[in-house]
Protein backbone atom coordinates (compact mmCIF):
# COMPACT_ATOMS: atom_id res chain seq x y z
CA UNK A 1 -17.49 14.73 10.96
CA UNK A 2 -14.44 16.23 12.56
CA UNK A 3 -11.62 16.15 10.02
CA UNK A 4 -8.60 15.85 12.26
CA UNK A 5 -5.68 14.60 10.22
CA UNK A 6 -2.34 13.47 11.59
CA UNK A 7 -0.52 11.82 8.71
CA UNK A 8 1.94 13.04 6.11
CA UNK A 9 -0.87 14.49 3.95
CA UNK A 10 -2.67 16.37 6.76
CA UNK A 11 -2.15 19.82 5.25
CA UNK A 12 -3.21 18.72 1.77
CA UNK A 13 -6.25 16.80 3.06
CA UNK A 14 -7.46 19.79 5.08
CA UNK A 15 -6.97 22.12 2.12
CA UNK A 16 -8.73 19.73 -0.26
CA UNK A 17 -11.79 19.33 1.97
CA UNK A 18 -11.92 23.08 2.56
CA UNK A 19 -11.75 23.65 -1.20
CA UNK A 20 -14.58 21.19 -1.86
CA UNK A 21 -16.80 22.70 0.85
CA UNK A 22 -16.06 26.26 -0.32
CA UNK A 23 -17.26 25.21 -3.77
CA UNK A 24 -20.62 24.00 -2.50
CA UNK A 25 -19.98 20.31 -1.95
CA UNK A 26 -21.34 18.70 1.23
CA UNK A 27 -18.36 16.29 1.31
CA UNK A 28 -19.32 14.33 4.44
CA UNK A 29 -19.15 10.76 3.16
CA UNK A 30 -16.08 11.57 1.06
CA UNK A 31 -14.39 12.99 4.14
CA UNK A 32 -14.91 9.63 5.84
CA UNK A 33 -12.79 7.99 3.14
CA UNK A 34 -10.03 10.56 3.56
CA UNK A 35 -10.05 10.34 7.37
CA UNK A 36 -9.57 6.58 7.13
CA UNK A 37 -6.85 7.05 4.52
CA UNK A 38 -5.07 9.40 6.92
CA UNK A 39 -5.31 6.79 9.69
CA UNK A 40 -3.86 4.23 7.28
CA UNK A 41 -0.87 6.46 6.52
CA UNK A 42 -0.22 6.87 10.23
CA UNK A 43 -0.57 3.14 10.98
CA UNK A 44 1.75 2.21 8.11
CA UNK A 45 4.23 4.96 8.99
CA UNK A 46 4.03 6.48 5.51
CA UNK A 47 6.66 9.22 5.45
CA UNK A 48 6.90 9.99 1.74
CA UNK A 49 4.57 12.74 0.62
CA UNK A 50 4.29 11.14 -2.83
CA UNK A 51 0.64 10.29 -3.40
CA UNK A 52 1.07 7.33 -5.73
CA UNK A 53 -1.37 5.03 -7.45
CA UNK A 54 0.26 2.12 -5.62
CA UNK A 55 -0.40 3.75 -2.23
CA UNK A 56 -4.05 4.35 -3.13
CA UNK A 57 -4.54 0.77 -4.29
CA UNK A 58 -2.92 -0.64 -1.16
CA UNK A 59 -5.20 1.49 1.01
CA UNK A 60 -8.36 0.56 -0.90
CA UNK A 61 -7.43 -3.13 -0.70
CA UNK A 62 -7.33 -2.89 3.11
CA UNK A 63 -11.00 -1.86 3.14
CA UNK A 64 -12.31 -5.45 3.08
CA UNK A 65 -15.87 -4.67 4.18
CA UNK A 66 -16.73 -2.26 1.37
CA UNK A 67 -18.32 -3.15 -1.95
CA UNK A 68 -16.64 -2.84 -5.33
CA UNK A 69 -18.86 0.16 -6.04
CA UNK A 70 -17.56 1.89 -2.92
CA UNK A 71 -13.99 1.00 -3.87
CA UNK A 72 -14.59 2.72 -7.20
CA UNK A 73 -15.97 5.75 -5.35
CA UNK A 74 -12.84 5.85 -3.19
CA UNK A 75 -10.68 5.70 -6.33
CA UNK A 76 -12.63 8.65 -7.73
CA UNK A 77 -12.09 10.65 -4.54
CA UNK A 78 -8.35 9.99 -4.76
CA UNK A 79 -8.22 11.04 -8.41
CA UNK A 80 -9.77 14.37 -7.41
CA UNK A 81 -7.40 14.72 -4.47
């Protein structure tokens, strides 16, 4: 997956994925979550670089088609980030 980020967290997202891959993690499916999060920040015109719990919850709530288990996985990815 091509991790092209455009939102307010683009630098941090790229560095985080690079860090995970450099430490032996495959990080393909997790990258998918972060790519979609980046798209969300662009669509919602998020300009504050404060990564808050409220922002994470709002993003996860927009993912209507995913299971509760996947939502928990997304929350775990964000805690690591």
